[in-house]
PDB file of N, CA and C in Angstrom:
ATOM      1  N   MET A   1      17.804 -39.858 -20.514  1.00  0.00           N
ATOM      2  CA  MET A   1      18.346 -38.884 -20.873  1.00  0.00           C
ATOM      3  C   MET A   1      18.093 -37.682 -19.769  1.00  0.00           C
ATOM      4  N   ALA A   2      18.892 -36.911 -19.344  1.00  0.00           N
ATOM      5  CA  ALA A   2      18.619 -35.938 -18.336  1.00  0.00           C
ATOM      6  C   ALA A   2      18.091 -34.654 -18.774  1.00  0.00           C
ATOM      7  N   THR A   3      17.345 -33.952 -18.166  1.00  0.00           N
ATOM      8  CA  THR A   3      16.751 -32.701 -18.383  1.00  0.00           C
ATOM      9  C   THR A   3      17.563 -31.509 -17.969  1.00  0.00           C
ATOM     10  N   ALA A   4      17.532 -30.563 -18.831  1.00  0.00           N
ATOM     11  CA  ALA A   4      18.296 -29.314 -18.124  1.00  0.00           C
ATOM     12  C   ALA A   4      17.554 -28.631 -16.811  1.00  0.00           C
ATOM     13  N   ALA A   5      18.268 -28.410 -15.953  1.00  0.00           N
ATOM     14  CA  ALA A   5      17.825 -27.644 -14.974  1.00  0.00           C
ATOM     15  C   ALA A   5      17.276 -26.300 -15.317  1.00  0.00           C
ATOM     16  N   PRO A   6      16.092 -25.997 -14.608  1.00  0.00           N
ATOM     17  CA  PRO A   6      15.610 -24.595 -14.962  1.00  0.00           C
ATOM     18  C   PRO A   6      16.673 -23.402 -14.652  1.00  0.00           C
ATOM     19  N   PRO A   7      16.468 -22.435 -15.381  1.00  0.00           N
ATOM     20  CA  PRO A   7      17.305 -21.226 -15.082  1.00  0.00           C
ATOM     21  C   PRO A   7      17.072 -20.778 -13.613  1.00  0.00           C
ATOM     22  N   ARG A   8      18.099 -20.546 -12.941  1.00  0.00           N
ATOM     23  CA  ARG A   8      18.061 -19.961 -11.609  1.00  0.00           C
ATOM     24  C   ARG A   8      17.722 -18.474 -11.659  1.00  0.00           C
ATOM     25  N   PHE A   9      16.706 -18.059 -10.558  1.00  0.00           N
ATOM     26  CA  PHE A   9      16.428 -16.912 -10.483  1.00  0.00           C
ATOM     27  C   PHE A   9      17.585 -15.888  -9.781  1.00  0.00           C
ATOM     28  N   LYS A  10      18.122 -14.834 -10.213  1.00  0.00           N
ATOM     29  CA  LYS A  10      19.042 -14.215  -9.584  1.00  0.00           C
ATOM     30  C   LYS A  10      18.349 -12.803  -9.093  1.00  0.00           C
ATOM     31  N   ALA A  11      18.499 -12.858  -7.699  1.00  0.00           N
ATOM     32  CA  ALA A  11      17.947 -11.530  -6.990  1.00  0.00           C
ATOM     33  C   ALA A  11      19.142 -10.529  -7.047  1.00  0.00           C
ATOM     34  N   HIS A  12      18.533  -9.296  -7.112  1.00  0.00           N
ATOM     35  CA  HIS A  12      19.272  -8.053  -7.068  1.00  0.00           C
ATOM     36  C   HIS A  12      18.971  -7.295  -5.738  1.00  0.00           C
ATOM     37  N   PRO A  13      19.459  -7.606  -4.576  1.00  0.00           N
ATOM     38  CA  PRO A  13      18.992  -6.880  -3.479  1.00  0.00           C
ATOM     39  C   PRO A  13      19.282  -5.597  -3.353  1.00  0.00           C
ATOM     40  N   ILE A  14      18.537  -4.776  -2.793  1.00  0.00           N
ATOM     41  CA  ILE A  14      18.571  -3.376  -2.799  1.00  0.00           C
ATOM     42  C   ILE A  14      19.563  -2.975  -1.690  1.00  0.00           C
ATOM     43  N   PRO A  15      20.775  -2.215  -1.783  1.00  0.00           N
ATOM     44  CA  PRO A  15      21.593  -2.025  -0.548  1.00  0.00           C
ATOM     45  C   PRO A  15      20.859  -1.214   0.510  1.00  0.00           C
ATOM     46  N   PRO A  16      20.935  -1.467   1.658  1.00  0.00           N
ATOM     47  CA  PRO A  16      20.331  -0.845   2.937  1.00  0.00           C
ATOM     48  C   PRO A  16      20.381   0.514   2.988  1.00  0.00           C
ATOM     49  N   THR A  17      21.501   1.111   2.430  1.00  0.00           N
ATOM     50  CA  THR A  17      21.815   2.413   2.621  1.00  0.00           C
ATOM     51  C   THR A  17      20.657   3.199   1.406  1.00  0.00           C
ATOM     52  N   GLU A  18      20.701   2.573   0.221  1.00  0.00           N
ATOM     53  CA  GLU A  18      19.767   3.208  -0.607  1.00  0.00           C
ATOM     54  C   GLU A  18      18.191   3.242  -0.141  1.00  0.00           C
ATOM     55  N   LEU A  19      17.759   2.134   0.463  1.00  0.00           N
ATOM     56  CA  LEU A  19      16.381   2.106   1.003  1.00  0.00           C
ATOM     57  C   LEU A  19      16.224   3.139   2.349  1.00  0.00           C
ATOM     58  N   ASN A  20      17.155   3.167   3.096  1.00  0.00           N
ATOM     59  CA  ASN A  20      17.141   4.282   3.967  1.00  0.00           C
ATOM     60  C   ASN A  20      16.960   5.774   3.741  1.00  0.00           C
ATOM     61  N   SER A  21      17.505   6.097   2.382  1.00  0.00           N
ATOM     62  CA  SER A  21      17.376   7.419   1.978  1.00  0.00           C
ATOM     63  C   SER A  21      15.904   7.719   1.328  1.00  0.00           C
ATOM     64  N   ARG A  22      15.145   6.681   1.121  1.00  0.00           N
ATOM     65  CA  ARG A  22      13.868   6.765   0.492  1.00  0.00           C
ATOM     66  C   ARG A  22      12.820   6.986   1.640  1.00  0.00           C
ATOM     67  N   GLU A  23      11.907   7.960   1.344  1.00  0.00           N
ATOM     68  CA  GLU A  23      10.818   8.098   2.449  1.00  0.00           C
ATOM     69  C   GLU A  23       9.932   6.812   2.044  1.00  0.00           C
ATOM     70  N   GLN A  24       9.301   6.574   3.295  1.00  0.00           N
ATOM     71  CA  GLN A  24       7.996   5.614   3.076  1.00  0.00           C
ATOM     72  C   GLN A  24       6.800   6.195   2.901  1.00  0.00           C
ATOM     73  N   ILE A  25       5.863   5.360   2.338  1.00  0.00           N
ATOM     74  CA  ILE A  25       4.661   5.831   1.898  1.00  0.00           C
ATOM     75  C   ILE A  25       3.749   5.568   3.079  1.00  0.00           C
ATOM     76  N   GLU A  26       2.732   6.369   3.472  1.00  0.00           N
ATOM     77  CA  GLU A  26       2.118   6.068   4.568  1.00  0.00           C
ATOM     78  C   GLU A  26       0.439   5.921   4.193  1.00  0.00           C
ATOM     79  N   PHE A  27      -0.188   5.124   4.803  1.00  0.00           N
ATOM     80  CA  PHE A  27      -1.545   4.689   4.478  1.00  0.00           C
ATOM     81  C   PHE A  27      -2.240   4.857   5.723  1.00  0.00           C
ATOM     82  N   LEU A  28      -3.245   5.872   5.654  1.00  0.00           N
ATOM     83  CA  LEU A  28      -4.054   6.364   6.809  1.00  0.00           C
ATOM     84  C   LEU A  28      -5.397   5.910   6.851  1.00  0.00           C
ATOM     85  N   HIS A  29      -5.956   5.957   7.965  1.00  0.00           N
ATOM     86  CA  HIS A  29      -7.373   5.721   8.499  1.00  0.00           C
ATOM     87  C   HIS A  29      -8.062   7.039   8.307  1.00  0.00           C
ATOM     88  N   PRO A  30      -8.958   7.103   7.561  1.00  0.00           N
ATOM     89  CA  PRO A  30      -9.748   8.562   7.361  1.00  0.00           C
ATOM     90  C   PRO A  30     -10.516   8.893   8.583  1.00  0.00           C
ATOM     91  N   GLY A  31     -10.850   8.022   9.506  1.00  0.00           N
ATOM     92  CA  GLY A  31     -11.804   8.547  10.499  1.00  0.00           C
ATOM     93  C   GLY A  31     -11.275   8.921  11.864  1.00  0.00           C
ATOM     94  N   TYR A  32      -9.907   9.000  11.911  1.00  0.00           N
ATOM     95  CA  TYR A  32      -9.175   9.307  13.114  1.00  0.00           C
ATOM     96  C   TYR A  32      -8.242  10.519  12.705  1.00  0.00           C
ATOM     97  N   SER A  33      -8.083  11.400  13.406  1.00  0.00           N
ATOM     98  CA  SER A  33      -6.873  12.498  13.562  1.00  0.00           C
ATOM     99  C   SER A  33      -5.776  12.241  14.069  1.00  0.00           C
ATOM    100  N   ALA A  34      -5.950  11.661  15.470  1.00  0.00           N
ATOM    101  CA  ALA A  34      -4.763  11.563  16.168  1.00  0.00           C
ATOM    102  C   ALA A  34      -3.823  10.367  15.864  1.00  0.00           C
ATOM    103  N   ILE A  35      -4.287   9.173  15.945  1.00  0.00           N
ATOM    104  CA  ILE A  35      -3.707   7.895  15.630  1.00  0.00           C
ATOM    105  C   ILE A  35      -4.483   7.317  14.320  1.00  0.00           C
ATOM    106  N   ASN A  36      -3.892   7.748  13.315  1.00  0.00           N
ATOM    107  CA  ASN A  36      -4.585   7.251  11.867  1.00  0.00           C
ATOM    108  C   ASN A  36      -3.788   6.537  11.074  1.00  0.00           C
ATOM    109  N   VAL A  37      -2.532   6.015  11.639  1.00  0.00           N
ATOM    110  CA  VAL A  37      -1.721   5.203  10.426  1.00  0.00           C
ATOM    111  C   VAL A  37      -1.991   3.778  10.691  1.00  0.00           C
ATOM    112  N   LEU A  38      -2.468   3.314   9.373  1.00  0.00           N
ATOM    113  CA  LEU A  38      -2.772   1.882   9.279  1.00  0.00           C
ATOM    114  C   LEU A  38      -1.334   1.142   9.139  1.00  0.00           C
ATOM    115  N   LEU A  39      -0.509   1.660   8.092  1.00  0.00           N
ATOM    116  CA  LEU A  39       0.716   1.149   7.980  1.00  0.00           C
ATOM    117  C   LEU A  39       1.595   2.099   7.061  1.00  0.00           C
ATOM    118  N   PHE A  40       2.900   1.690   7.155  1.00  0.00           N
ATOM    119  CA  PHE A  40       3.795   2.461   6.325  1.00  0.00           C
ATOM    120  C   PHE A  40       4.468   1.447   5.523  1.00  0.00           C
ATOM    121  N   LEU A  41       4.651   1.634   4.046  1.00  0.00           N
ATOM    122  CA  LEU A  41       5.402   0.825   3.296  1.00  0.00           C
ATOM    123  C   LEU A  41       6.545   1.292   2.648  1.00  0.00           C
ATOM    124  N   PRO A  42       7.703   0.464   2.409  1.00  0.00           N
ATOM    125  CA  PRO A  42       8.932   1.150   1.983  1.00  0.00           C
ATOM    126  C   PRO A  42       8.777   1.359   0.469  1.00  0.00           C
ATOM    127  N   ARG A  43       9.413   2.314  -0.073  1.00  0.00           N
ATOM    128  CA  ARG A  43       9.585   2.284  -1.632  1.00  0.00           C
ATOM    129  C   ARG A  43      10.585   1.490  -2.218  1.00  0.00           C
ATOM    130  N   VAL A  44       9.982   0.235  -2.471  1.00  0.00           N
ATOM    131  CA  VAL A  44      10.875  -0.809  -3.008  1.00  0.00           C
ATOM    132  C   VAL A  44      10.828  -1.051  -4.637  1.00  0.00           C
ATOM    133  N   ASP A  45       9.530  -0.335  -4.996  1.00  0.00           N
ATOM    134  CA  ASP A  45       9.377  -0.695  -6.589  1.00  0.00           C
ATOM    135  C   ASP A  45       9.568   0.539  -7.424  1.00  0.00           C
ATOM    136  N   ARG A  46      10.204   0.088  -8.538  1.00  0.00           N
ATOM    137  CA  ARG A  46      10.530   1.409  -9.365  1.00  0.00           C
ATOM    138  C   ARG A  46       9.526   1.553 -10.615  1.00  0.00           C
ATOM    139  N   LYS A  47       9.294   2.581 -10.716  1.00  0.00           N
ATOM    140  CA  LYS A  47       8.237   2.968 -11.747  1.00  0.00           C
ATOM    141  C   LYS A  47       9.168   2.993 -13.193  1.00  0.00           C
ATOM    142  N   ALA A  48       8.394   2.390 -14.016  1.00  0.00           N
ATOM    143  CA  ALA A  48       8.997   1.918 -15.394  1.00  0.00           C
ATOM    144  C   ALA A  48       9.778   3.122 -15.912  1.00  0.00           C
ATOM    145  N   ASP A  49      11.049   2.827 -16.454  1.00  0.00           N
ATOM    146  CA  ASP A  49      11.822   3.849 -16.987  1.00  0.00           C
ATOM    147  C   ASP A  49      11.945   5.026 -16.513  1.00  0.00           C
ATOM    148  N   THR A  50      11.978   5.003 -15.140  1.00  0.00           N
ATOM    149  CA  THR A  50      12.208   6.253 -14.359  1.00  0.00           C
ATOM    150  C   THR A  50      13.244   5.773 -13.222  1.00  0.00           C
ATOM    151  N   ALA A  51      13.557   6.943 -12.331  1.00  0.00           N
ATOM    152  CA  ALA A  51      14.282   6.901 -11.203  1.00  0.00           C
ATOM    153  C   ALA A  51      13.455   6.886  -9.944  1.00  0.00           C
ATOM    154  N   THR A  52      11.995   6.918 -10.268  1.00  0.00           N
ATOM    155  CA  THR A  52      11.128   7.051  -9.110  1.00  0.00           C
ATOM    156  C   THR A  52      10.616   5.685  -8.563  1.00  0.00           C
ATOM    157  N   PHE A  53      10.697   5.779  -7.218  1.00  0.00           N
ATOM    158  CA  PHE A  53      10.310   4.556  -6.326  1.00  0.00           C
ATOM    159  C   PHE A  53       8.947   4.747  -5.771  1.00  0.00           C
ATOM    160  N   GLY A  54       8.392   3.623  -5.528  1.00  0.00           N
ATOM    161  CA  GLY A  54       7.155   3.576  -4.828  1.00  0.00           C
ATOM    162  C   GLY A  54       6.569   2.244  -4.487  1.00  0.00           C
ATOM    163  N   VAL A  55       5.324   2.062  -4.447  1.00  0.00           N
ATOM    164  CA  VAL A  55       4.806   0.715  -3.865  1.00  0.00           C
ATOM    165  C   VAL A  55       3.764   0.255  -4.971  1.00  0.00           C
ATOM    166  N   TYR A  56       3.750  -0.993  -5.330  1.00  0.00           N
ATOM    167  CA  TYR A  56       2.692  -1.513  -6.279  1.00  0.00           C
ATOM    168  C   TYR A  56       1.344  -1.339  -5.565  1.00  0.00           C
ATOM    169  N   HIS A  57       0.434  -0.737  -6.420  1.00  0.00           N
ATOM    170  CA  HIS A  57      -0.772  -0.542  -6.013  1.00  0.00           C
ATOM    171  C   HIS A  57      -1.511  -1.782  -5.379  1.00  0.00           C
ATOM    172  N   ARG A  58      -1.447  -2.984  -6.132  1.00  0.00           N
ATOM    173  CA  ARG A  58      -2.101  -4.100  -5.615  1.00  0.00           C
ATOM    174  C   ARG A  58      -1.502  -4.523  -4.268  1.00  0.00           C
ATOM    175  N   THR A  59      -0.372  -4.431  -4.109  1.00  0.00           N
ATOM    176  CA  THR A  59       0.319  -4.761  -2.851  1.00  0.00           C
ATOM    177  C   THR A  59      -0.243  -3.759  -1.571  1.00  0.00           C
ATOM    178  N   ALA A  60      -0.122  -2.686  -1.849  1.00  0.00           N
ATOM    179  CA  ALA A  60      -0.709  -1.647  -0.728  1.00  0.00           C
ATOM    180  C   ALA A  60      -2.084  -1.838  -0.670  1.00  0.00           C
ATOM    181  N   LEU A  61      -2.889  -2.129  -1.561  1.00  0.00           N
ATOM    182  CA  LEU A  61      -4.552  -2.143  -1.451  1.00  0.00           C
ATOM    183  C   LEU A  61      -4.700  -3.425  -0.561  1.00  0.00           C
ATOM    184  N   LEU A  62      -4.005  -4.570  -1.036  1.00  0.00           N
ATOM    185  CA  LEU A  62      -4.238  -5.913  -0.337  1.00  0.00           C
ATOM    186  C   LEU A  62      -3.815  -5.773   1.234  1.00  0.00           C
ATOM    187  N   ALA A  63      -2.691  -5.055   1.566  1.00  0.00           N
ATOM    188  CA  ALA A  63      -2.108  -4.936   2.927  1.00  0.00           C
ATOM    189  C   ALA A  63      -3.322  -4.224   3.805  1.00  0.00           C
ATOM    190  N   CYS A  64      -3.783  -3.326   3.205  1.00  0.00           N
ATOM    191  CA  CYS A  64      -4.999  -2.350   3.784  1.00  0.00           C
ATOM    192  C   CYS A  64      -5.956  -3.152   4.137  1.00  0.00           C
ATOM    193  N   GLN A  65      -6.571  -3.997   2.920  1.00  0.00           N
ATOM    194  CA  GLN A  65      -7.771  -4.641   3.083  1.00  0.00           C
ATOM    195  C   GLN A  65      -7.715  -5.610   4.204  1.00  0.00           C
ATOM    196  N   ILE A  66      -6.572  -6.343   4.417  1.00  0.00           N
ATOM    197  CA  ILE A  66      -6.265  -7.235   5.308  1.00  0.00           C
ATOM    198  C   ILE A  66      -6.433  -6.585   6.706  1.00  0.00           C
ATOM    199  N   ILE A  67      -5.797  -5.633   6.882  1.00  0.00           N
ATOM    200  CA  ILE A  67      -5.669  -4.787   8.185  1.00  0.00           C
ATOM    201  C   ILE A  67      -7.261  -4.470   8.596  1.00  0.00           C
ATOM    202  N   ALA A  68      -8.072  -4.023   7.552  1.00  0.00           N
ATOM    203  CA  ALA A  68      -9.335  -3.702   7.862  1.00  0.00           C
ATOM    204  C   ALA A  68     -10.363  -4.712   7.888  1.00  0.00           C
ATOM    205  N   ASP A  69     -10.094  -5.990   8.419  1.00  0.00           N
ATOM    206  CA  ASP A  69     -11.001  -7.133   8.611  1.00  0.00           C
ATOM    207  C   ASP A  69     -11.348  -7.684   7.206  1.00  0.00           C
ATOM    208  N   ASN A  70     -10.357  -7.715   6.286  1.00  0.00           N
ATOM    209  CA  ASN A  70     -10.349  -8.583   5.028  1.00  0.00           C
ATOM    210  C   ASN A  70     -11.711  -7.864   4.225  1.00  0.00           C
ATOM    211  N   ALA A  71     -11.412  -6.495   3.998  1.00  0.00           N
ATOM    212  CA  ALA A  71     -12.430  -5.676   3.301  1.00  0.00           C
ATOM    213  C   ALA A  71     -11.976  -5.487   1.804  1.00  0.00           C
ATOM    214  N   PHE A  72     -11.958  -6.803   1.264  1.00  0.00           N
ATOM    215  CA  PHE A  72     -11.540  -7.237  -0.135  1.00  0.00           C
ATOM    216  C   PHE A  72     -12.770  -6.561  -1.008  1.00  0.00           C
ATOM    217  N   ASP A  73     -13.622  -6.519  -0.871  1.00  0.00           N
ATOM    218  CA  ASP A  73     -14.878  -6.172  -1.684  1.00  0.00           C
ATOM    219  C   ASP A  73     -15.202  -4.731  -1.670  1.00  0.00           C
ATOM    220  N   THR A  74     -14.982  -3.990  -0.390  1.00  0.00           N
ATOM    221  CA  THR A  74     -15.423  -2.579  -0.508  1.00  0.00           C
ATOM    222  C   THR A  74     -14.193  -1.651  -0.064  1.00  0.00           C
ATOM    223  N   GLY A  75     -12.972  -2.154   0.118  1.00  0.00           N
ATOM    224  CA  GLY A  75     -11.993  -1.246   0.294  1.00  0.00           C
ATOM    225  C   GLY A  75     -11.016  -0.681  -0.860  1.00  0.00           C
ATOM    226  N   ARG A  76     -10.959   0.562  -0.674  1.00  0.00           N
ATOM    227  CA  ARG A  76     -10.076   1.283  -1.965  1.00  0.00           C
ATOM    228  C   ARG A  76      -9.246   2.304  -1.344  1.00  0.00           C
ATOM    229  N   LEU A  77      -8.178   2.925  -2.041  1.00  0.00           N
ATOM    230  CA  LEU A  77      -7.260   3.971  -1.779  1.00  0.00           C
ATOM    231  C   LEU A  77      -7.747   5.294  -2.358  1.00  0.00           C
ATOM    232  N   THR A  78      -7.766   6.305  -1.679  1.00  0.00           N
ATOM    233  CA  THR A  78      -7.944   7.526  -2.147  1.00  0.00           C
ATOM    234  C   THR A  78      -6.782   8.486  -1.752  1.00  0.00           C
ATOM    235  N   LEU A  79      -6.883   9.665  -2.305  1.00  0.00           N
ATOM    236  CA  LEU A  79      -5.899  10.567  -2.015  1.00  0.00           C
ATOM    237  C   LEU A  79      -6.389  11.531  -1.020  1.00  0.00           C
ATOM    238  N   ASP A  80      -7.623  11.516  -0.714  1.00  0.00           N
ATOM    239  CA  ASP A  80      -8.148  12.554   0.416  1.00  0.00           C
ATOM    240  C   ASP A  80      -8.887  11.701   1.474  1.00  0.00           C
ATOM    241  N   LYS A  81      -9.062  12.496   2.561  1.00  0.00           N
ATOM    242  CA  LYS A  81      -9.640  11.813   3.605  1.00  0.00           C
ATOM    243  C   LYS A  81     -11.058  11.497   3.556  1.00  0.00           C
ATOM    244  N   ALA A  82     -11.899  12.376   2.853  1.00  0.00           N
ATOM    245  CA  ALA A  82     -13.286  12.207   2.430  1.00  0.00           C
ATOM    246  C   ALA A  82     -13.684  11.139   1.394  1.00  0.00           C
ATOM    247  N   GLY A  83     -12.594  10.559   0.908  1.00  0.00           N
ATOM    248  CA  GLY A  83     -12.848   9.443  -0.243  1.00  0.00           C
ATOM    249  C   GLY A  83     -13.392   9.999  -1.506  1.00  0.00           C
ATOM    250  N   GLN A  84     -13.137  11.372  -1.723  1.00  0.00           N
ATOM    251  CA  GLN A  84     -13.641  11.901  -3.166  1.00  0.00           C
ATOM    252  C   GLN A  84     -12.713  11.912  -4.249  1.00  0.00           C
ATOM    253  N   GLN A  85     -11.243  11.620  -4.079  1.00  0.00           N
ATOM    254  CA  GLN A  85     -10.349  11.543  -4.985  1.00  0.00           C
ATOM    255  C   GLN A  85      -9.761  10.144  -5.309  1.00  0.00           C
ATOM    256  N   PRO A  86     -10.447   9.335  -6.006  1.00  0.00           N
ATOM    257  CA  PRO A  86      -9.885   7.857  -5.919  1.00  0.00           C
ATOM    258  C   PRO A  86      -8.547   8.097  -6.461  1.00  0.00           C
ATOM    259  N   VAL A  87      -7.615   6.800  -6.333  1.00  0.00           N
ATOM    260  CA  VAL A  87      -6.395   6.666  -6.919  1.00  0.00           C
ATOM    261  C   VAL A  87      -6.472   6.193  -8.122  1.00  0.00           C
ATOM    262  N   ASN A  88      -6.002   6.984  -9.174  1.00  0.00           N
ATOM    263  CA  ASN A  88      -6.190   6.635 -10.532  1.00  0.00           C
ATOM    264  C   ASN A  88      -4.926   5.929 -11.144  1.00  0.00           C
ATOM    265  N   VAL A  89      -4.345   5.079 -10.498  1.00  0.00           N
ATOM    266  CA  VAL A  89      -3.080   4.257 -10.803  1.00  0.00           C
ATOM    267  C   VAL A  89      -3.652   2.864 -11.065  1.00  0.00           C
ATOM    268  N   PRO A  90      -3.499   2.186 -12.060  1.00  0.00           N
ATOM    269  CA  PRO A  90      -3.819   0.750 -12.302  1.00  0.00           C
ATOM    270  C   PRO A  90      -3.362  -0.140 -11.205  1.00  0.00           C
ATOM    271  N   LEU A  91      -4.006  -1.242 -10.907  1.00  0.00           N
ATOM    272  CA  LEU A  91      -3.478  -2.154  -9.816  1.00  0.00           C
ATOM    273  C   LEU A  91      -2.081  -2.688 -10.018  1.00  0.00           C
ATOM    274  N   ASP A  92      -1.570  -2.714 -11.271  1.00  0.00           N
ATOM    275  CA  ASP A  92      -0.310  -3.081 -11.430  1.00  0.00           C
ATOM    276  C   ASP A  92       0.785  -2.050 -11.636  1.00  0.00           C
ATOM    277  N   GLY A  93       0.167  -0.719 -11.335  1.00  0.00           N
ATOM    278  CA  GLY A  93       1.109   0.468 -11.324  1.00  0.00           C
ATOM    279  C   GLY A  93       1.552   0.828  -9.921  1.00  0.00           C
ATOM    280  N   ILE A  94       2.504   1.795  -9.968  1.00  0.00           N
ATOM    281  CA  ILE A  94       3.219   2.112  -8.572  1.00  0.00           C
ATOM    282  C   ILE A  94       2.566   3.384  -8.194  1.00  0.00           C
ATOM    283  N   LEU A  95       2.355   3.317  -6.894  1.00  0.00           N
ATOM    284  CA  LEU A  95       1.955   4.351  -5.967  1.00  0.00           C
ATOM    285  C   LEU A  95       3.352   5.284  -5.627  1.00  0.00           C
ATOM    286  N   THR A  96       3.166   6.508  -5.814  1.00  0.00           N
ATOM    287  CA  THR A  96       4.167   7.491  -5.563  1.00  0.00           C
ATOM    288  C   THR A  96       4.051   8.439  -4.593  1.00  0.00           C
ATOM    289  N   GLU A  97       2.808   8.795  -4.341  1.00  0.00           N
ATOM    290  CA  GLU A  97       2.481   9.973  -3.366  1.00  0.00           C
ATOM    291  C   GLU A  97       3.011   9.565  -1.970  1.00  0.00           C
ATOM    292  N   GLU A  98       3.042  10.581  -1.083  1.00  0.00           N
ATOM    293  CA  GLU A  98       3.603  10.406   0.205  1.00  0.00           C
ATOM    294  C   GLU A  98       2.649   9.685   1.089  1.00  0.00           C
ATOM    295  N   THR A  99       1.164  10.000   0.843  1.00  0.00           N
ATOM    296  CA  THR A  99       0.107   9.561   1.687  1.00  0.00           C
ATOM    297  C   THR A  99      -1.097   9.141   0.954  1.00  0.00           C
ATOM    298  N   TYR A 100      -1.726   8.191   1.389  1.00  0.00           N
ATOM    299  CA  TYR A 100      -2.988   7.588   0.919  1.00  0.00           C
ATOM    300  C   TYR A 100      -3.859   7.358   1.873  1.00  0.00           C
ATOM    301  N   TYR A 101      -5.186   7.300   1.775  1.00  0.00           N
ATOM    302  CA  TYR A 101      -6.114   6.881   2.626  1.00  0.00           C
ATOM    303  C   TYR A 101      -6.919   5.728   2.313  1.00  0.00           C
ATOM    304  N   PHE A 102      -7.331   4.677   3.169  1.00  0.00           N
ATOM    305  CA  PHE A 102      -7.835   3.427   2.844  1.00  0.00           C
ATOM    306  C   PHE A 102      -9.373   3.631   3.330  1.00  0.00           C
ATOM    307  N   ILE A 103     -10.119   3.622   2.436  1.00  0.00           N
ATOM    308  CA  ILE A 103     -11.664   3.930   2.564  1.00  0.00           C
ATOM    309  C   ILE A 103     -12.311   2.559   2.463  1.00  0.00           C
ATOM    310  N   VAL A 104     -13.449   2.239   3.473  1.00  0.00           N
ATOM    311  CA  VAL A 104     -14.060   1.112   3.334  1.00  0.00           C
ATOM    312  C   VAL A 104     -15.496   1.327   3.072  1.00  0.00           C
ATOM    313  N   GLY A 105     -16.031   0.758   2.279  1.00  0.00           N
ATOM    314  CA  GLY A 105     -17.475   0.991   1.893  1.00  0.00           C
ATOM    315  C   GLY A 105     -17.939   2.270   1.427  1.00  0.00           C
ATOM    316  N   ASP A 106     -18.963   2.979   1.827  1.00  0.00           N
ATOM    317  CA  ASP A 106     -19.450   4.300   1.385  1.00  0.00           C
ATOM    318  C   ASP A 106     -18.576   5.434   1.950  1.00  0.00           C
ATOM    319  N   GLY A 107     -17.861   5.183   2.906  1.00  0.00           N
ATOM    320  CA  GLY A 107     -17.072   6.430   3.215  1.00  0.00           C
ATOM    321  C   GLY A 107     -16.249   6.334   4.520  1.00  0.00           C
ATOM    322  N   PRO A 108     -15.694   7.329   5.106  1.00  0.00           N
ATOM    323  CA  PRO A 108     -14.569   7.243   6.018  1.00  0.00           C
ATOM    324  C   PRO A 108     -15.115   6.670   7.349  1.00  0.00           C
ATOM    325  N   GLY A 109     -16.252   6.732   7.643  1.00  0.00           N
ATOM    326  CA  GLY A 109     -16.918   6.141   8.992  1.00  0.00           C
ATOM    327  C   GLY A 109     -17.434   4.675   9.019  1.00  0.00           C
ATOM    328  N   MET A 110     -17.183   4.038   7.946  1.00  0.00           N
ATOM    329  CA  MET A 110     -17.404   2.604   7.904  1.00  0.00           C
ATOM    330  C   MET A 110     -16.873   1.842   9.024  1.00  0.00           C
ATOM    331  N   TYR A 111     -15.847   2.116   9.101  1.00  0.00           N
ATOM    332  CA  TYR A 111     -14.915   1.067  10.152  1.00  0.00           C
ATOM    333  C   TYR A 111     -14.220   1.845  11.299  1.00  0.00           C
ATOM    334  N   LEU A 112     -14.945   2.856  11.687  1.00  0.00           N
ATOM    335  CA  LEU A 112     -14.354   3.850  12.524  1.00  0.00           C
ATOM    336  C   LEU A 112     -13.931   3.032  13.915  1.00  0.00           C
ATOM    337  N   PHE A 113     -14.841   1.981  14.344  1.00  0.00           N
ATOM    338  CA  PHE A 113     -14.413   1.576  15.559  1.00  0.00           C
ATOM    339  C   PHE A 113     -13.734  -0.006  15.413  1.00  0.00           C
ATOM    340  N   PHE A 114     -13.394  -0.371  14.172  1.00  0.00           N
ATOM    341  CA  PHE A 114     -12.807  -1.667  14.023  1.00  0.00           C
ATOM    342  C   PHE A 114     -11.403  -1.617  14.602  1.00  0.00           C
ATOM    343  N   TYR A 115     -10.765  -0.517  14.286  1.00  0.00           N
ATOM    344  CA  TYR A 115      -9.274  -0.605  14.397  1.00  0.00           C
ATOM    345  C   TYR A 115      -8.945  -0.919  16.061  1.00  0.00           C
ATOM    346  N   PHE A 116      -9.629  -0.036  16.898  1.00  0.00           N
ATOM    347  CA  PHE A 116      -9.541  -0.179  18.397  1.00  0.00           C
ATOM    348  C   PHE A 116      -9.979  -1.419  18.943  1.00  0.00           C
ATOM    349  N   TYR A 117     -11.174  -1.934  18.618  1.00  0.00           N
ATOM    350  CA  TYR A 117     -11.580  -3.062  19.145  1.00  0.00           C
ATOM    351  C   TYR A 117     -11.099  -4.498  18.600  1.00  0.00           C
ATOM    352  N   SER A 118     -10.358  -4.346  17.675  1.00  0.00           N
ATOM    353  CA  SER A 118      -9.883  -5.629  16.836  1.00  0.00           C
ATOM    354  C   SER A 118      -8.628  -5.860  17.555  1.00  0.00           C
ATOM    355  N   PHE A 119      -7.970  -5.040  18.228  1.00  0.00           N
ATOM    356  CA  PHE A 119      -6.512  -5.077  18.730  1.00  0.00           C
ATOM    357  C   PHE A 119      -6.517  -5.114  20.198  1.00  0.00           C
ATOM    358  N   TYR A 120      -7.619  -5.101  20.876  1.00  0.00           N
ATOM    359  CA  TYR A 120      -7.408  -4.871  22.279  1.00  0.00           C
ATOM    360  C   TYR A 120      -8.097  -6.123  22.842  1.00  0.00           C
TER     361      TYR A 120
END
């Protein structure tokens, strides 16, 4: 007796023209002023029951943690450079602001030199 094949996943790709019309979200290093962009992520995730797009909090956080030398235990996202305004979006929620800062440890200076020394 043959078993039924599992249902196929049907992807719904986003048209490139629609993606191009959305601003990206930038994730910044708090310790630098000139070159402080850690990464940009496209707004591909839609906030439930709205037309608002952003990025899953957990996805953005994980990407920043990897870039900052796997700072999984101490890295977090904030809305301000000083790290005083934590992101109050659940990890499975959608980030929709234009800019976020990635803070490691106790504050912005914890990984000041990591960025340049790791890539040269």
